Amino acid sequence: IIPTESFAEFVKHPLVKALYLTDVGFFPSAQHHYRERQEGIEECILIYCVSGKGFIEVEERVFEIAERNVFCIPANKKHRYFSSEENAWSIFWVHFKGETIDYYPVREIRIIDIVSENSNNRIMYFFELLFQVLERNYTIGNFIYLSQVLSLLLSEIYFREKGKNQNIQNVHLTKIIHFMYRNLNQKMTLEEIALEAQLSKS
């Protein structure tokens, strides 16, 4: 738990007030884990399940959360969440707030699957960075760093293109742009570009 009240001046910094965390943690094999908040809380709560299973209820809807599922409980929403009795979940979580929250789709009440192994590794790494920095001094520099890592974490979850859902047309277009950029000093024919992209000329 970060005592943000004690560092109110830091939270006024433009790079911090945009997005900052108030709590972060890891709960392994969380048997009998249960939280309920009738009025919700001021922060958004992001939960990343790395193993086991649990349940999150928001707005009378119950979601079953399993390995590599991310769920964000929006601020000020009545909610409860709890671990499965048979297969207790292990979860990372972070509570956060800030002026740019609405630029992330954190108010969409849905499960996000982290399909890619690389994406999973990056998310785990971002949480590890948050823990490492919080073991050091509370300085304005560290507060800024935490905000930037949190931004990367949210961007990885919400904005980075997922391999399974990539728009094929965009993949081809990106490959062609890279090919043309590498060959700026040469004349290229449509046939060469089509061959590089493994597409027909049309």
Protein backbone atom coordinates (compact mmCIF):
# COMPACT_ATOMS: atom_id res chain seq x y z
CA ILE A 1 0.00 0.00 0.00
CA ILE A 2 1.51 3.30 -1.07
CA PRO A 3 0.79 6.13 1.39
CA THR A 4 -0.07 8.62 -1.35
CA GLU A 5 -1.51 11.02 1.27
CA SER A 6 2.03 11.40 2.64
CA PHE A 7 3.33 12.23 -0.83
CA ALA A 8 0.54 14.52 -2.03
CA GLU A 9 3.05 16.85 -3.69
CA PHE A 10 4.39 13.98 -5.82
CA VAL A 11 0.87 13.09 -6.99
CA LYS A 12 0.48 16.65 -8.33
CA HIS A 13 3.35 16.15 -10.77
CA PRO A 14 1.99 16.00 -14.37
CA LEU A 15 3.69 12.66 -15.07
CA VAL A 16 2.32 11.12 -11.89
CA LYS A 17 -1.20 12.50 -11.64
CA ALA A 18 -1.96 11.16 -15.12
CA LEU A 19 -1.81 7.58 -13.82
CA TYR A 20 -0.55 6.21 -10.53
CA LEU A 21 -0.93 3.14 -8.39
CA THR A 22 -2.01 3.08 -4.76
CA ASP A 23 -1.71 -0.65 -3.99
CA VAL A 24 0.01 -3.57 -5.68
CA GLY A 25 0.62 -7.15 -4.68
CA PHE A 26 0.80 -10.87 -5.35
CA PHE A 27 -1.34 -13.45 -3.57
CA PRO A 28 -0.16 -17.03 -4.26
CA SER A 29 -2.57 -19.98 -3.84
CA ALA A 30 -5.06 -17.67 -2.17
CA GLN A 31 -7.29 -20.16 -0.39
CA HIS A 32 -10.41 -18.65 1.22
CA HIS A 33 -9.58 -15.29 -0.37
CA TYR A 34 -12.72 -13.12 -0.37
CA ARG A 35 -13.29 -9.38 -0.75
CA GLU A 36 -16.58 -7.52 -0.96
CA ARG A 37 -17.14 -3.77 -1.27
CA GLN A 38 -20.75 -2.61 -1.39
CA GLU A 39 -19.82 0.90 -2.53
CA GLY A 40 -16.73 0.01 -4.52
CA ILE A 41 -13.56 2.06 -4.03
CA GLU A 42 -12.06 5.19 -5.59
CA GLU A 43 -9.46 3.22 -7.54
CA CYS A 44 -9.75 0.77 -10.41
CA ILE A 45 -8.65 -2.75 -9.46
CA LEU A 46 -6.77 -4.80 -12.03
CA ILE A 47 -6.47 -8.53 -11.27
CA TYR A 48 -4.24 -10.89 -13.26
CA CYS A 49 -4.73 -14.58 -12.53
CA VAL A 50 -1.58 -16.63 -13.13
CA SER A 51 -2.93 -19.98 -11.94
CA GLY A 52 -6.00 -21.57 -10.40
CA LYS A 53 -9.46 -20.09 -10.63
CA GLY A 54 -11.64 -17.47 -9.00
CA PHE A 55 -14.80 -15.42 -9.46
CA ILE A 56 -15.47 -11.70 -9.80
CA GLU A 57 -18.94 -10.20 -9.50
CA VAL A 58 -19.63 -6.70 -10.78
CA GLU A 59 -23.08 -5.22 -11.47
CA GLU A 60 -24.81 -8.53 -10.69
CA ARG A 61 -22.70 -10.33 -13.32
CA VAL A 62 -20.37 -13.12 -12.26
CA PHE A 63 -17.19 -13.82 -14.23
CA GLU A 64 -15.09 -16.96 -13.83
CA ILE A 65 -11.41 -16.01 -13.91
CA ALA A 66 -8.76 -18.58 -14.78
CA GLU A 67 -5.07 -18.71 -15.71
CA ARG A 68 -3.91 -15.79 -17.88
CA ASN A 69 -7.16 -13.90 -17.48
CA VAL A 70 -7.12 -10.19 -16.69
CA PHE A 71 -10.09 -8.37 -15.22
CA CYS A 72 -10.45 -4.73 -14.25
CA ILE A 73 -13.06 -3.68 -11.71
CA PRO A 74 -13.94 -0.05 -12.45
CA ALA A 75 -13.79 2.55 -9.70
CA ASN A 76 -16.88 3.07 -7.54
CA LYS A 77 -18.59 -0.13 -8.67
CA LYS A 78 -20.09 -2.52 -6.14
CA HIS A 79 -18.13 -5.76 -6.39
CA ARG A 80 -16.91 -8.90 -4.75
CA TYR A 81 -14.27 -11.40 -5.73
CA PHE A 82 -13.16 -14.70 -4.31
CA SER A 83 -10.95 -17.69 -4.95
CA SER A 84 -12.24 -21.09 -6.00
CA GLU A 85 -12.52 -23.54 -3.11
CA GLU A 86 -11.26 -26.45 -5.24
CA ASN A 87 -8.55 -24.65 -7.22
CA ALA A 88 -7.37 -21.51 -5.41
CA TRP A 89 -6.16 -18.73 -7.65
CA SER A 90 -2.78 -17.01 -7.59
CA ILE A 91 -3.19 -13.38 -8.55
CA PHE A 92 -1.26 -10.21 -9.14
CA TRP A 93 -3.27 -7.06 -8.52
CA VAL A 94 -2.88 -3.33 -8.71
CA HIS A 95 -5.16 -0.49 -7.59
CA PHE A 96 -4.74 2.68 -9.62
CA LYS A 97 -6.25 6.05 -10.41
CA GLY A 98 -5.36 9.17 -12.39
CA GLU A 99 -6.48 11.73 -14.92
CA THR A 100 -5.88 9.55 -18.00
CA ILE A 101 -7.74 6.44 -16.84
CA ASP A 102 -10.58 6.98 -19.30
CA TYR A 103 -8.14 6.73 -22.19
CA TYR A 104 -7.83 3.04 -21.31
CA PRO A 105 -10.93 0.83 -21.69
CA VAL A 106 -10.87 -0.06 -17.99
CA ARG A 107 -14.60 0.60 -17.59
CA GLU A 108 -15.47 -2.24 -19.97
CA ILE A 109 -16.53 -5.03 -17.67
CA ARG A 110 -15.00 -8.03 -19.39
CA ILE A 111 -12.35 -10.74 -19.20
CA ILE A 112 -9.20 -10.29 -21.26
CA ASP A 113 -7.29 -13.41 -22.28
CA ILE A 114 -3.52 -13.15 -22.43
CA VAL A 115 -2.84 -15.68 -25.17
CA SER A 116 0.77 -14.93 -26.03
CA GLU A 117 3.57 -16.34 -23.89
CA ASN A 118 5.60 -13.22 -24.64
CA SER A 119 2.77 -10.98 -23.46
CA ASN A 120 2.44 -13.00 -20.27
CA ASN A 121 6.19 -12.66 -19.66
CA ARG A 122 6.05 -8.91 -20.18
CA ILE A 123 3.14 -8.52 -17.76
CA MET A 124 5.01 -10.55 -15.13
CA TYR A 125 8.11 -8.41 -15.74
CA PHE A 126 6.14 -5.16 -15.31
CA PHE A 127 4.77 -6.36 -11.97
CA GLU A 128 8.30 -7.34 -10.91
CA LEU A 129 9.51 -3.83 -11.80
CA LEU A 130 6.75 -2.29 -9.69
CA PHE A 131 7.76 -4.45 -6.71
CA GLN A 132 11.46 -3.66 -7.15
CA VAL A 133 10.92 0.10 -7.24
CA LEU A 134 8.60 0.02 -4.23
CA GLU A 135 11.35 -1.63 -2.19
CA ARG A 136 13.42 1.53 -2.68
CA ASN A 137 12.89 5.09 -1.46
CA TYR A 138 9.75 7.07 -2.13
CA THR A 139 11.15 9.80 -4.37
CA ILE A 140 9.54 11.84 -7.12
CA GLY A 141 11.72 9.99 -9.62
CA ASN A 142 10.45 6.62 -8.43
CA PHE A 143 6.84 7.85 -8.47
CA ILE A 144 7.29 8.93 -12.11
CA TYR A 145 8.91 5.59 -12.94
CA LEU A 146 6.04 3.67 -11.31
CA SER A 147 3.53 5.67 -13.34
CA GLN A 148 5.35 4.89 -16.57
CA VAL A 149 5.59 1.16 -15.79
CA LEU A 150 1.89 1.10 -14.90
CA SER A 151 1.15 2.77 -18.23
CA LEU A 152 3.17 0.06 -20.00
CA LEU A 153 1.31 -2.64 -18.09
CA LEU A 154 -2.09 -1.26 -19.11
CA SER A 155 -0.93 -0.72 -22.69
CA GLU A 156 0.30 -4.31 -22.89
CA ILE A 157 -3.10 -5.56 -21.75
CA TYR A 158 -5.36 -3.21 -23.68
CA PHE A 159 -3.51 -1.83 -26.70
CA ARG A 160 -0.74 -4.13 -27.84
CA GLU A 161 -1.99 -6.10 -30.81
CA LYS A 162 -2.69 -9.68 -29.86
CA GLY A 163 -1.15 -12.25 -32.20
CA LYS A 164 -4.31 -14.33 -32.32
CA ASN A 165 -6.52 -11.41 -33.37
CA GLN A 166 -4.22 -9.57 -35.74
CA ASN A 167 -5.82 -8.06 -38.76
CA ILE A 168 -4.18 -9.98 -41.62
CA GLN A 169 -4.36 -7.03 -43.99
CA ASN A 170 -2.47 -4.86 -41.51
CA VAL A 171 0.21 -7.54 -41.10
CA HIS A 172 0.82 -7.60 -44.88
CA LEU A 173 0.79 -3.82 -45.08
CA THR A 174 3.32 -3.52 -42.25
CA LYS A 175 5.65 -6.07 -43.90
CA ILE A 176 5.44 -4.18 -47.20
CA ILE A 177 6.20 -0.84 -45.54
CA HIS A 178 9.26 -2.32 -43.82
CA PHE A 179 10.41 -3.87 -47.10
CA MET A 180 10.04 -0.59 -48.98
CA TYR A 181 11.81 1.33 -46.22
CA ARG A 182 14.79 -1.04 -46.37
CA ASN A 183 14.99 -0.47 -50.12
CA LEU A 184 14.44 3.27 -50.41
CA ASN A 185 17.41 3.71 -52.76
CA GLN A 186 16.28 1.08 -55.23
CA LYS A 187 13.59 0.96 -57.86
CA MET A 188 10.98 -1.59 -56.92
CA THR A 189 8.41 -3.20 -59.12
CA LEU A 190 4.97 -4.29 -58.08
CA GLU A 191 6.02 -7.86 -58.84
CA GLU A 192 8.91 -7.64 -56.33
CA ILE A 193 6.71 -6.18 -53.63
CA ALA A 194 4.01 -8.81 -54.22
CA LEU A 195 6.64 -11.56 -54.08
CA GLU A 196 8.06 -10.19 -50.82
CA ALA A 197 4.58 -10.07 -49.28
CA GLN A 198 3.64 -13.44 -50.79
CA LEU A 199 0.53 -11.90 -52.27
CA SER A 200 -0.88 -11.56 -55.75
CA LYS A 201 -0.40 -8.19 -57.44
CA SER A 202 -4.10 -7.42 -57.10
